[in-house]
C-alpha atoms as a PDB file:
ATOM      1  CA  MET A   1       0.069  -0.039   0.102  1.00  0.00           C
ATOM      2  CA  THR A   2       1.253   3.485  -0.840  1.00  0.00           C
ATOM      3  CA  MET A   3       1.700   6.189   1.536  1.00  0.00           C
ATOM      4  CA  LEU A   4      -1.274   8.061  -0.194  1.00  0.00           C
ATOM      5  CA  GLU A   5      -3.350   4.871   0.195  1.00  0.00           C
ATOM      6  CA  GLU A   6      -2.498   4.751   3.733  1.00  0.00           C
ATOM      7  CA  LEU A   7      -3.569   8.185   4.344  1.00  0.00           C
ATOM      8  CA  SER A   8      -6.724   7.747   2.436  1.00  0.00           C
ATOM      9  CA  THR A   9      -7.541   4.667   4.468  1.00  0.00           C
ATOM     10  CA  ALA A  10      -6.864   6.488   7.757  1.00  0.00           C
ATOM     11  CA  ALA A  11      -8.861   9.491   6.891  1.00  0.00           C
ATOM     12  CA  ALA A  12     -11.799   7.346   5.894  1.00  0.00           C
ATOM     13  CA  GLU A  13     -11.456   5.502   9.390  1.00  0.00           C
ATOM     14  CA  ALA A  14     -11.234   8.956  11.245  1.00  0.00           C
ATOM     15  CA  VAL A  15     -14.479  10.077   9.592  1.00  0.00           C
ATOM     16  CA  ALA A  16     -16.215   6.858  10.327  1.00  0.00           C
ATOM     17  CA  LYS A  17     -15.091   6.913  13.763  1.00  0.00           C
ATOM     18  CA  VAL A  18     -15.436  10.731  14.682  1.00  0.00           C
ATOM     19  CA  GLY A  19     -17.921  11.865  12.179  1.00  0.00           C
ATOM     20  CA  PRO A  20     -21.103  10.984  13.921  1.00  0.00           C
ATOM     21  CA  SER A  21     -19.927  13.173  17.005  1.00  0.00           C
ATOM     22  CA  VAL A  22     -19.113  16.203  14.810  1.00  0.00           C
ATOM     23  CA  VAL A  23     -21.908  18.780  14.626  1.00  0.00           C
ATOM     24  CA  ARG A  24     -22.472  22.008  12.908  1.00  0.00           C
ATOM     25  CA  ILE A  25     -23.190  25.224  14.852  1.00  0.00           C
ATOM     26  CA  GLY A  26     -25.373  28.062  13.359  1.00  0.00           C
ATOM     27  CA  ARG A  27     -27.766  28.508  10.448  1.00  0.00           C
ATOM     28  CA  GLY A  28     -27.046  28.343   6.651  1.00  0.00           C
ATOM     29  CA  GLY A  29     -23.296  28.190   6.219  1.00  0.00           C
ATOM     30  CA  GLY A  30     -23.031  28.140   9.976  1.00  0.00           C
ATOM     31  CA  ARG A  31     -20.493  29.796  12.331  1.00  0.00           C
ATOM     32  CA  GLY A  32     -18.344  26.723  13.280  1.00  0.00           C
ATOM     33  CA  CYS A  33     -18.426  23.141  14.512  1.00  0.00           C
ATOM     34  CA  GLY A  34     -18.773  21.366  17.715  1.00  0.00           C
ATOM     35  CA  ILE A  35     -18.530  17.897  19.298  1.00  0.00           C
ATOM     36  CA  VAL A  36     -21.070  15.765  21.119  1.00  0.00           C
ATOM     37  CA  LEU A  37     -19.705  15.430  24.832  1.00  0.00           C
ATOM     38  CA  GLY A  38     -22.396  13.157  26.083  1.00  0.00           C
ATOM     39  CA  ASP A  39     -26.253  12.514  26.213  1.00  0.00           C
ATOM     40  CA  GLY A  40     -27.605  16.129  25.825  1.00  0.00           C
ATOM     41  CA  LEU A  41     -24.288  17.951  25.652  1.00  0.00           C
ATOM     42  CA  VAL A  42     -22.274  19.635  22.830  1.00  0.00           C
ATOM     43  CA  ALA A  43     -19.055  21.602  23.248  1.00  0.00           C
ATOM     44  CA  THR A  44     -17.990  24.359  20.802  1.00  0.00           C
ATOM     45  CA  ASN A  45     -15.802  27.513  20.621  1.00  0.00           C
ATOM     46  CA  ALA A  46     -17.268  30.368  22.534  1.00  0.00           C
ATOM     47  CA  HIS A  47     -16.456  32.752  19.481  1.00  0.00           C
ATOM     48  CA  ASN A  48     -19.105  30.493  17.625  1.00  0.00           C
ATOM     49  CA  LEU A  49     -22.008  31.799  19.491  1.00  0.00           C
ATOM     50  CA  ARG A  50     -23.895  34.848  19.110  1.00  0.00           C
ATOM     51  CA  GLY A  51     -26.442  34.559  22.124  1.00  0.00           C
ATOM     52  CA  GLU A  52     -27.837  32.158  24.420  1.00  0.00           C
ATOM     53  CA  GLU A  53     -29.095  29.707  21.763  1.00  0.00           C
ATOM     54  CA  ALA A  54     -27.672  28.140  18.657  1.00  0.00           C
ATOM     55  CA  LEU A  55     -28.829  25.786  15.907  1.00  0.00           C
ATOM     56  CA  VAL A  56     -27.134  22.442  15.982  1.00  0.00           C
ATOM     57  CA  THR A  57     -26.914  20.378  13.021  1.00  0.00           C
ATOM     58  CA  PHE A  58     -26.206  16.610  13.484  1.00  0.00           C
ATOM     59  CA  ALA A  59     -24.376  14.041  11.350  1.00  0.00           C
ATOM     60  CA  ASP A  60     -27.784  12.604  10.170  1.00  0.00           C
ATOM     61  CA  GLY A  61     -29.021  16.014   9.039  1.00  0.00           C
ATOM     62  CA  ARG A  62     -31.304  16.492  12.067  1.00  0.00           C
ATOM     63  CA  GLN A  63     -31.461  19.850  13.545  1.00  0.00           C
ATOM     64  CA  ALA A  64     -32.200  21.169  17.103  1.00  0.00           C
ATOM     65  CA  ILE A  65     -31.912  24.416  19.134  1.00  0.00           C
ATOM     66  CA  GLY A  66     -29.280  24.223  21.961  1.00  0.00           C
ATOM     67  CA  SER A  67     -28.930  26.539  24.722  1.00  0.00           C
ATOM     68  CA  VAL A  68     -25.888  27.674  26.373  1.00  0.00           C
ATOM     69  CA  VAL A  69     -25.180  25.980  29.762  1.00  0.00           C
ATOM     70  CA  ALA A  70     -22.007  27.672  30.328  1.00  0.00           C
ATOM     71  CA  THR A  71     -19.088  29.598  28.798  1.00  0.00           C
ATOM     72  CA  ASP A  72     -15.367  30.437  29.174  1.00  0.00           C
ATOM     73  CA  VAL A  73     -15.114  33.391  26.783  1.00  0.00           C
ATOM     74  CA  ASP A  74     -11.278  34.006  27.504  1.00  0.00           C
ATOM     75  CA  GLY A  75     -10.630  30.246  27.083  1.00  0.00           C
ATOM     76  CA  ASP A  76     -12.714  30.094  23.974  1.00  0.00           C
ATOM     77  CA  LEU A  77     -14.972  27.259  25.108  1.00  0.00           C
ATOM     78  CA  ALA A  78     -18.657  26.774  25.565  1.00  0.00           C
ATOM     79  CA  VAL A  79     -21.105  23.925  26.217  1.00  0.00           C
ATOM     80  CA  LEU A  80     -24.601  23.745  24.966  1.00  0.00           C
ATOM     81  CA  ARG A  81     -27.572  21.667  26.079  1.00  0.00           C
ATOM     82  CA  VAL A  82     -29.395  20.214  23.116  1.00  0.00           C
ATOM     83  CA  ASP A  83     -31.360  16.748  22.224  1.00  0.00           C
ATOM     84  CA  THR A  84     -28.471  14.766  20.842  1.00  0.00           C
ATOM     85  CA  ALA A  85     -30.721  11.863  20.055  1.00  0.00           C
ATOM     86  CA  GLY A  86     -28.283   9.088  20.628  1.00  0.00           C
ATOM     87  CA  ALA A  87     -25.493  10.657  18.850  1.00  0.00           C
ATOM     88  CA  PRO A  88     -22.283   9.153  20.083  1.00  0.00           C
ATOM     89  CA  ALA A  89     -19.843  11.183  22.538  1.00  0.00           C
ATOM     90  CA  ILE A  90     -16.584  12.156  21.156  1.00  0.00           C
ATOM     91  CA  ALA A  91     -13.641   9.939  22.579  1.00  0.00           C
ATOM     92  CA  PHE A  92     -10.665  12.016  23.725  1.00  0.00           C
ATOM     93  CA  SER A  93      -7.128  10.813  23.606  1.00  0.00           C
ATOM     94  CA  ASP A  94      -5.493   9.630  27.086  1.00  0.00           C
ATOM     95  CA  GLY A  95      -2.066  10.616  25.700  1.00  0.00           C
ATOM     96  CA  GLY A  96      -1.576  13.421  23.435  1.00  0.00           C
ATOM     97  CA  ALA A  97       0.158  14.215  20.061  1.00  0.00           C
ATOM     98  CA  ASP A  98       3.786  14.451  19.176  1.00  0.00           C
ATOM     99  CA  VAL A  99       5.424  17.145  16.867  1.00  0.00           C
ATOM    100  CA  GLY A 100       5.583  15.156  13.356  1.00  0.00           C
ATOM    101  CA  GLN A 101       2.586  13.050  14.054  1.00  0.00           C
ATOM    102  CA  VAL A 102      -0.082  12.813  11.191  1.00  0.00           C
ATOM    103  CA  VAL A 103      -3.443  14.155  12.297  1.00  0.00           C
ATOM    104  CA  PHE A 104      -6.964  14.843  10.576  1.00  0.00           C
ATOM    105  CA  VAL A 105      -9.357  17.421  11.069  1.00  0.00           C
ATOM    106  CA  VAL A 106     -13.067  16.099  10.555  1.00  0.00           C
ATOM    107  CA  SER A 107     -15.450  19.033  10.218  1.00  0.00           C
ATOM    108  CA  ARG A 108     -19.092  19.348   9.109  1.00  0.00           C
ATOM    109  CA  SER A 109     -20.274  21.774   6.331  1.00  0.00           C
ATOM    110  CA  GLY A 110     -23.274  23.838   6.033  1.00  0.00           C
ATOM    111  CA  ALA A 111     -25.209  21.217   4.395  1.00  0.00           C
ATOM    112  CA  GLY A 112     -24.462  18.535   6.988  1.00  0.00           C
ATOM    113  CA  GLY A 113     -21.755  16.796   5.432  1.00  0.00           C
ATOM    114  CA  GLU A 114     -18.342  15.605   6.716  1.00  0.00           C
ATOM    115  CA  ARG A 115     -15.166  17.156   5.549  1.00  0.00           C
ATOM    116  CA  VAL A 116     -11.768  15.958   6.223  1.00  0.00           C
ATOM    117  CA  SER A 117      -8.234  17.388   5.780  1.00  0.00           C
ATOM    118  CA  PHE A 118      -4.932  16.202   6.869  1.00  0.00           C
ATOM    119  CA  GLY A 119      -1.479  17.526   7.892  1.00  0.00           C
ATOM    120  CA  MET A 120       0.898  16.894  10.887  1.00  0.00           C
ATOM    121  CA  VAL A 121       1.353  18.472  14.317  1.00  0.00           C
ATOM    122  CA  SER A 122       3.916  21.139  13.581  1.00  0.00           C
ATOM    123  CA  GLY A 123       4.176  22.329  17.248  1.00  0.00           C
ATOM    124  CA  THR A 124       3.217  22.154  20.812  1.00  0.00           C
ATOM    125  CA  GLU A 125       2.950  24.653  23.835  1.00  0.00           C
ATOM    126  CA  ARG A 126       2.072  27.395  21.537  1.00  0.00           C
ATOM    127  CA  ALA A 127       0.158  30.486  22.643  1.00  0.00           C
ATOM    128  CA  PHE A 128      -2.419  32.851  21.036  1.00  0.00           C
ATOM    129  CA  ARG A 129      -4.959  35.486  21.972  1.00  0.00           C
ATOM    130  CA  GLY A 130      -8.480  34.365  22.864  1.00  0.00           C
ATOM    131  CA  PRO A 131     -11.688  36.480  21.787  1.00  0.00           C
ATOM    132  CA  ARG A 132     -10.952  39.263  24.336  1.00  0.00           C
ATOM    133  CA  GLY A 133      -7.188  39.451  24.131  1.00  0.00           C
ATOM    134  CA  ARG A 134      -6.257  37.002  26.798  1.00  0.00           C
ATOM    135  CA  ARG A 135      -3.281  34.642  26.198  1.00  0.00           C
ATOM    136  CA  ILE A 136      -4.377  30.980  25.724  1.00  0.00           C
ATOM    137  CA  LYS A 137      -1.190  28.834  26.462  1.00  0.00           C
ATOM    138  CA  GLY A 138      -0.193  25.319  25.740  1.00  0.00           C
ATOM    139  CA  SER A 139      -1.971  24.884  22.287  1.00  0.00           C
ATOM    140  CA  LEU A 140      -1.342  22.414  19.663  1.00  0.00           C
ATOM    141  CA  GLU A 141      -0.048  23.700  16.488  1.00  0.00           C
ATOM    142  CA  HIS A 142      -1.015  21.741  13.145  1.00  0.00           C
ATOM    143  CA  THR A 143      -1.039  21.757   9.315  1.00  0.00           C
ATOM    144  CA  ALA A 144      -4.220  20.262   8.552  1.00  0.00           C
ATOM    145  CA  PRO A 145      -6.250  22.798   6.600  1.00  0.00           C
ATOM    146  CA  LEU A 146      -9.425  24.121   8.202  1.00  0.00           C
ATOM    147  CA  PRO A 147     -12.251  25.105   5.777  1.00  0.00           C
ATOM    148  CA  ARG A 148     -14.161  28.134   6.715  1.00  0.00           C
ATOM    149  CA  GLY A 149     -16.352  27.602   9.758  1.00  0.00           C
ATOM    150  CA  SER A 150     -14.288  24.686  11.067  1.00  0.00           C
ATOM    151  CA  SER A 151     -13.468  26.072  14.548  1.00  0.00           C
ATOM    152  CA  GLY A 152     -14.798  23.776  17.156  1.00  0.00           C
ATOM    153  CA  SER A 153     -14.033  20.724  15.219  1.00  0.00           C
ATOM    154  CA  PRO A 154     -11.803  17.855  16.450  1.00  0.00           C
ATOM    155  CA  VAL A 155      -8.140  17.300  15.580  1.00  0.00           C
ATOM    156  CA  VAL A 156      -7.775  13.165  15.091  1.00  0.00           C
ATOM    157  CA  THR A 157      -4.871  10.955  15.145  1.00  0.00           C
ATOM    158  CA  ALA A 158      -4.792   7.953  12.703  1.00  0.00           C
ATOM    159  CA  ASP A 159      -6.146   5.786  15.381  1.00  0.00           C
ATOM    160  CA  GLY A 160      -9.334   7.793  15.751  1.00  0.00           C
ATOM    161  CA  SER A 161      -8.346   9.492  19.049  1.00  0.00           C
ATOM    162  CA  VAL A 162      -9.167  13.135  19.415  1.00  0.00           C
ATOM    163  CA  VAL A 163      -6.164  15.289  20.627  1.00  0.00           C
ATOM    164  CA  GLY A 164      -7.463  18.668  20.123  1.00  0.00           C
ATOM    165  CA  ILE A 165     -10.244  21.042  19.437  1.00  0.00           C
ATOM    166  CA  ASN A 166      -9.714  23.633  16.732  1.00  0.00           C
ATOM    167  CA  THR A 167      -9.812  27.211  17.701  1.00  0.00           C
ATOM    168  CA  ASN A 168      -7.511  29.399  15.770  1.00  0.00           C
ATOM    169  CA  ARG A 169      -6.140  30.163  12.350  1.00  0.00           C
ATOM    170  CA  LEU A 170      -2.483  31.408  12.297  1.00  0.00           C
ATOM    171  CA  GLY A 171      -2.166  32.038   8.641  1.00  0.00           C
ATOM    172  CA  ASP A 172       0.529  30.436   6.256  1.00  0.00           C
ATOM    173  CA  GLY A 173      -0.814  27.107   6.459  1.00  0.00           C
ATOM    174  CA  PHE A 174      -0.514  26.806  10.412  1.00  0.00           C
ATOM    175  CA  TYR A 175      -3.625  26.206  12.815  1.00  0.00           C
ATOM    176  CA  LEU A 176      -3.961  26.116  16.520  1.00  0.00           C
ATOM    177  CA  ALA A 177      -6.207  23.585  18.650  1.00  0.00           C
ATOM    178  CA  LEU A 178      -6.757  23.507  22.548  1.00  0.00           C
ATOM    179  CA  PRO A 179      -4.966  20.142  23.320  1.00  0.00           C
ATOM    180  CA  ALA A 180      -7.358  17.386  24.770  1.00  0.00           C
ATOM    181  CA  ASP A 181      -5.238  17.220  28.141  1.00  0.00           C
ATOM    182  CA  ALA A 182      -6.497  16.830  31.685  1.00  0.00           C
ATOM    183  CA  GLU A 183      -6.982  20.574  31.950  1.00  0.00           C
ATOM    184  CA  LEU A 184      -9.233  20.691  28.850  1.00  0.00           C
ATOM    185  CA  LYS A 185     -11.229  17.763  30.085  1.00  0.00           C
ATOM    186  CA  ALA A 186     -11.665  19.404  33.678  1.00  0.00           C
ATOM    187  CA  ARG A 187     -12.772  22.704  32.035  1.00  0.00           C
ATOM    188  CA  LEU A 188     -15.427  20.843  29.924  1.00  0.00           C
ATOM    189  CA  SER A 189     -16.658  19.100  32.937  1.00  0.00           C
ATOM    190  CA  SER A 190     -17.228  22.106  34.871  1.00  0.00           C
ATOM    191  CA  LEU A 191     -18.836  23.919  31.872  1.00  0.00           C
ATOM    192  CA  SER A 192     -21.204  20.734  31.335  1.00  0.00           C
ATOM    193  CA  SER A 193     -22.150  21.362  35.201  1.00  0.00           C
ATOM    194  CA  GLY A 194     -23.305  24.809  34.460  1.00  0.00           C
ATOM    195  CA  GLU A 195     -19.909  26.399  36.019  1.00  0.00           C
ATOM    196  CA  SER A 196     -19.021  29.413  33.547  1.00  0.00           C
ATOM    197  CA  ARG A 197     -15.327  30.444  33.847  1.00  0.00           C
ATOM    198  CA  THR A 198     -14.809  33.991  34.847  1.00  0.00           C
ATOM    199  CA  ARG A 199     -11.573  35.877  34.719  1.00  0.00           C
ATOM    200  CA  PRO A 200     -10.428  38.736  36.899  1.00  0.00           C
ATOM    201  CA  ARG A 201     -10.403  42.229  35.114  1.00  0.00           C
ATOM    202  CA  LEU A 202      -9.313  45.783  35.616  1.00  0.00           C
ATOM    203  CA  GLY A 203     -11.490  47.435  33.037  1.00  0.00           C
ATOM    204  CA  VAL A 204      -8.744  49.566  31.193  1.00  0.00           C
ATOM    205  CA  GLY A 205      -7.354  49.714  27.681  1.00  0.00           C
ATOM    206  CA  LEU A 206      -3.682  49.651  27.650  1.00  0.00           C
ATOM    207  CA  ALA A 207      -0.760  50.890  25.258  1.00  0.00           C
ATOM    208  CA  PRO A 208       2.358  48.782  25.056  1.00  0.00           C
ATOM    209  CA  ALA A 209       5.607  49.759  26.797  1.00  0.00           C
ATOM    210  CA  HIS A 210       7.255  51.165  23.548  1.00  0.00           C
ATOM    211  CA  VAL A 211       4.195  53.557  23.028  1.00  0.00           C
ATOM    212  CA  ALA A 212       4.344  54.633  26.697  1.00  0.00           C
ATOM    213  CA  SER A 213       8.077  55.434  26.422  1.00  0.00           C
ATOM    214  CA  ALA A 214       7.568  57.440  23.227  1.00  0.00           C
ATOM    215  CA  LEU A 215       4.722  59.564  24.716  1.00  0.00           C
ATOM    216  CA  ARG A 216       6.569  60.303  28.023  1.00  0.00           C
ATOM    217  CA  ARG A 217       9.547  61.294  25.986  1.00  0.00           C
ATOM    218  CA  SER A 218       7.381  63.596  23.687  1.00  0.00           C
ATOM    219  CA  VAL A 219       6.206  65.604  26.711  1.00  0.00           C
ATOM    220  CA  GLY A 220       9.713  65.833  28.451  1.00  0.00           C
ATOM    221  CA  LEU A 221       9.220  63.024  30.983  1.00  0.00           C
ATOM    222  CA  ASP A 222      11.774  60.426  31.934  1.00  0.00           C
ATOM    223  CA  GLU A 223      11.260  57.115  30.054  1.00  0.00           C
ATOM    224  CA  ARG A 224       9.916  54.332  32.301  1.00  0.00           C
ATOM    225  CA  ASP A 225       9.051  50.584  31.318  1.00  0.00           C
ATOM    226  CA  GLY A 226       5.227  49.969  31.826  1.00  0.00           C
ATOM    227  CA  LEU A 227       1.837  49.920  30.379  1.00  0.00           C
ATOM    228  CA  LEU A 228       0.044  53.284  29.550  1.00  0.00           C
ATOM    229  CA  VAL A 229      -3.461  53.333  30.471  1.00  0.00           C
ATOM    230  CA  ARG A 230      -5.542  54.741  27.594  1.00  0.00           C
ATOM    231  CA  VAL A 231      -9.020  54.027  28.551  1.00  0.00           C
ATOM    232  CA  VAL A 232     -10.755  53.168  31.926  1.00  0.00           C
ATOM    233  CA  GLU A 233     -14.244  51.818  31.782  1.00  0.00           C
ATOM    234  CA  GLU A 234     -16.734  53.658  33.946  1.00  0.00           C
ATOM    235  CA  GLY A 235     -17.785  51.766  37.000  1.00  0.00           C
ATOM    236  CA  SER A 236     -14.882  49.194  36.383  1.00  0.00           C
ATOM    237  CA  PRO A 237     -12.644  48.015  39.255  1.00  0.00           C
ATOM    238  CA  ALA A 238      -9.914  50.330  37.879  1.00  0.00           C
ATOM    239  CA  ALA A 239     -12.193  53.323  37.956  1.00  0.00           C
ATOM    240  CA  THR A 240     -13.287  52.576  41.419  1.00  0.00           C
ATOM    241  CA  ALA A 241      -9.756  52.255  42.763  1.00  0.00           C
ATOM    242  CA  GLY A 242      -8.815  55.517  41.272  1.00  0.00           C
ATOM    243  CA  ILE A 243      -6.612  54.581  38.161  1.00  0.00           C
ATOM    244  CA  ARG A 244      -6.641  57.339  35.617  1.00  0.00           C
ATOM    245  CA  GLN A 245      -6.232  57.646  31.841  1.00  0.00           C
ATOM    246  CA  GLY A 246      -2.512  58.419  31.273  1.00  0.00           C
ATOM    247  CA  ASP A 247      -1.422  56.612  34.276  1.00  0.00           C
ATOM    248  CA  LEU A 248       1.534  54.235  33.723  1.00  0.00           C
ATOM    249  CA  ILE A 249       1.405  50.936  35.218  1.00  0.00           C
ATOM    250  CA  VAL A 250       4.917  49.591  36.237  1.00  0.00           C
ATOM    251  CA  ALA A 251       4.360  46.956  38.692  1.00  0.00           C
ATOM    252  CA  VAL A 252       1.749  44.738  40.381  1.00  0.00           C
ATOM    253  CA  SER A 253       2.399  43.512  43.862  1.00  0.00           C
ATOM    254  CA  GLY A 254       5.983  44.430  43.616  1.00  0.00           C
ATOM    255  CA  THR A 255       6.536  42.543  40.168  1.00  0.00           C
ATOM    256  CA  VAL A 256       7.633  44.772  37.101  1.00  0.00           C
ATOM    257  CA  VAL A 257       5.151  44.542  34.157  1.00  0.00           C
ATOM    258  CA  THR A 258       6.241  45.534  30.755  1.00  0.00           C
ATOM    259  CA  THR A 259       3.554  43.436  28.651  1.00  0.00           C
ATOM    260  CA  ALA A 260      -0.102  42.741  29.074  1.00  0.00           C
ATOM    261  CA  ASP A 261       0.504  39.100  29.798  1.00  0.00           C
ATOM    262  CA  ASP A 262       2.557  40.179  32.639  1.00  0.00           C
ATOM    263  CA  LEU A 263      -0.435  42.101  33.976  1.00  0.00           C
ATOM    264  CA  PHE A 264      -2.654  39.024  33.252  1.00  0.00           C
ATOM    265  CA  ASP A 265      -0.535  36.713  35.030  1.00  0.00           C
ATOM    266  CA  ALA A 266      -0.277  38.771  38.111  1.00  0.00           C
ATOM    267  CA  MET A 267      -4.212  39.301  37.984  1.00  0.00           C
ATOM    268  CA  GLU A 268      -4.788  35.297  37.715  1.00  0.00           C
ATOM    269  CA  ALA A 269      -2.490  34.879  40.925  1.00  0.00           C
ATOM    270  CA  ALA A 270      -3.649  37.716  42.679  1.00  0.00           C
ATOM    271  CA  GLY A 271      -7.017  36.643  44.374  1.00  0.00           C
ATOM    272  CA  GLU A 272      -9.513  39.507  45.071  1.00  0.00           C
ATOM    273  CA  GLU A 273      -7.104  42.236  45.669  1.00  0.00           C
ATOM    274  CA  LEU A 274      -4.103  43.643  43.489  1.00  0.00           C
ATOM    275  CA  ARG A 275      -1.521  46.411  44.593  1.00  0.00           C
ATOM    276  CA  ILE A 276      -0.845  48.215  41.293  1.00  0.00           C
ATOM    277  CA  THR A 277       2.083  50.648  41.277  1.00  0.00           C
ATOM    278  CA  VAL A 278       1.374  53.634  38.805  1.00  0.00           C
ATOM    279  CA  VAL A 279       3.485  56.577  37.694  1.00  0.00           C
ATOM    280  CA  ARG A 280       1.378  59.696  37.198  1.00  0.00           C
ATOM    281  CA  GLY A 281       3.463  62.583  35.676  1.00  0.00           C
ATOM    282  CA  THR A 282       6.648  62.116  37.853  1.00  0.00           C
ATOM    283  CA  ASP A 283       4.815  60.837  40.896  1.00  0.00           C
ATOM    284  CA  GLU A 284       4.823  57.118  41.955  1.00  0.00           C
ATOM    285  CA  SER A 285       2.191  55.519  44.180  1.00  0.00           C
ATOM    286  CA  ASP A 286       0.527  52.101  44.866  1.00  0.00           C
ATOM    287  CA  ILE A 287      -3.179  51.806  44.224  1.00  0.00           C
ATOM    288  CA  THR A 288      -5.136  48.853  45.529  1.00  0.00           C
ATOM    289  CA  VAL A 289      -7.741  47.516  43.338  1.00  0.00           C
ATOM    290  CA  ARG A 290     -10.363  44.958  44.261  1.00  0.00           C
ATOM    291  CA  LEU A 291     -10.812  42.757  41.047  1.00  0.00           C
ATOM    292  CA  GLY A 292     -14.021  42.079  39.377  1.00  0.00           C
ATOM    293  CA  SER A 293     -14.664  39.301  36.638  1.00  0.00           C
ATOM    294  CA  SER A 294     -15.147  39.037  33.122  1.00  0.00           C
ATOM    295  CA  GLY A 295     -18.022  36.777  32.517  1.00  0.00           C
END
């Protein structure tokens, strides 16, 4: 058997094993795909949703309205409750995927039919920005082309094991998926139980360090590394604490911050309160912020 014949056989087996568990999310051409988690439950990317309900198209062409159980917007995951009518649950891998391993993407078109593409795992532990700019770490990078509307579809190995959920297109032929590891399974379990994931938020718009330095230099102030506050949302934790437009955030709980990721990491670890060091003109001071959450 030639290599092409082997790939063709493996692709057909992947579709046969995983295809019945892959659904379409949205009307017409749809917005994306999803996977059956179990009786009455479907998982998809949070960015595929536009409200509290979504049309779900199953492998047999049946359609049903699903309602949102819970979401993790910053992690780009959501779970819907819908009549799955015996559609089989997806089988996640117990291992993972290695760089160089052949993988397939099984998605569903707007008409309900399966689509399959193949490529290989090109990287692991990659990071990208979620729907609201938060960094999503530990992602699986692969080269299996994603037709439009394939986000939320599974990444499958030659033996039919699901090793990821597609979520992001890098361009230049590379794609990212949430790896089917213990953390993902735990998140899906929590979402299925109705526990939406919320992340701490300040409620500010920021400019990066190089922009902050250039602006300070242009008005005759000493250059400082930090994040320039360009917008403060009314009623946000930052506004309540007294952070103002034009403040330069230089440290969080004593740790220097120069990127938005530094700030997000500090917020994740902080608990309910955060001590933010800001420079306002030439004055430096500490501001205690009681964090809110982004639903």
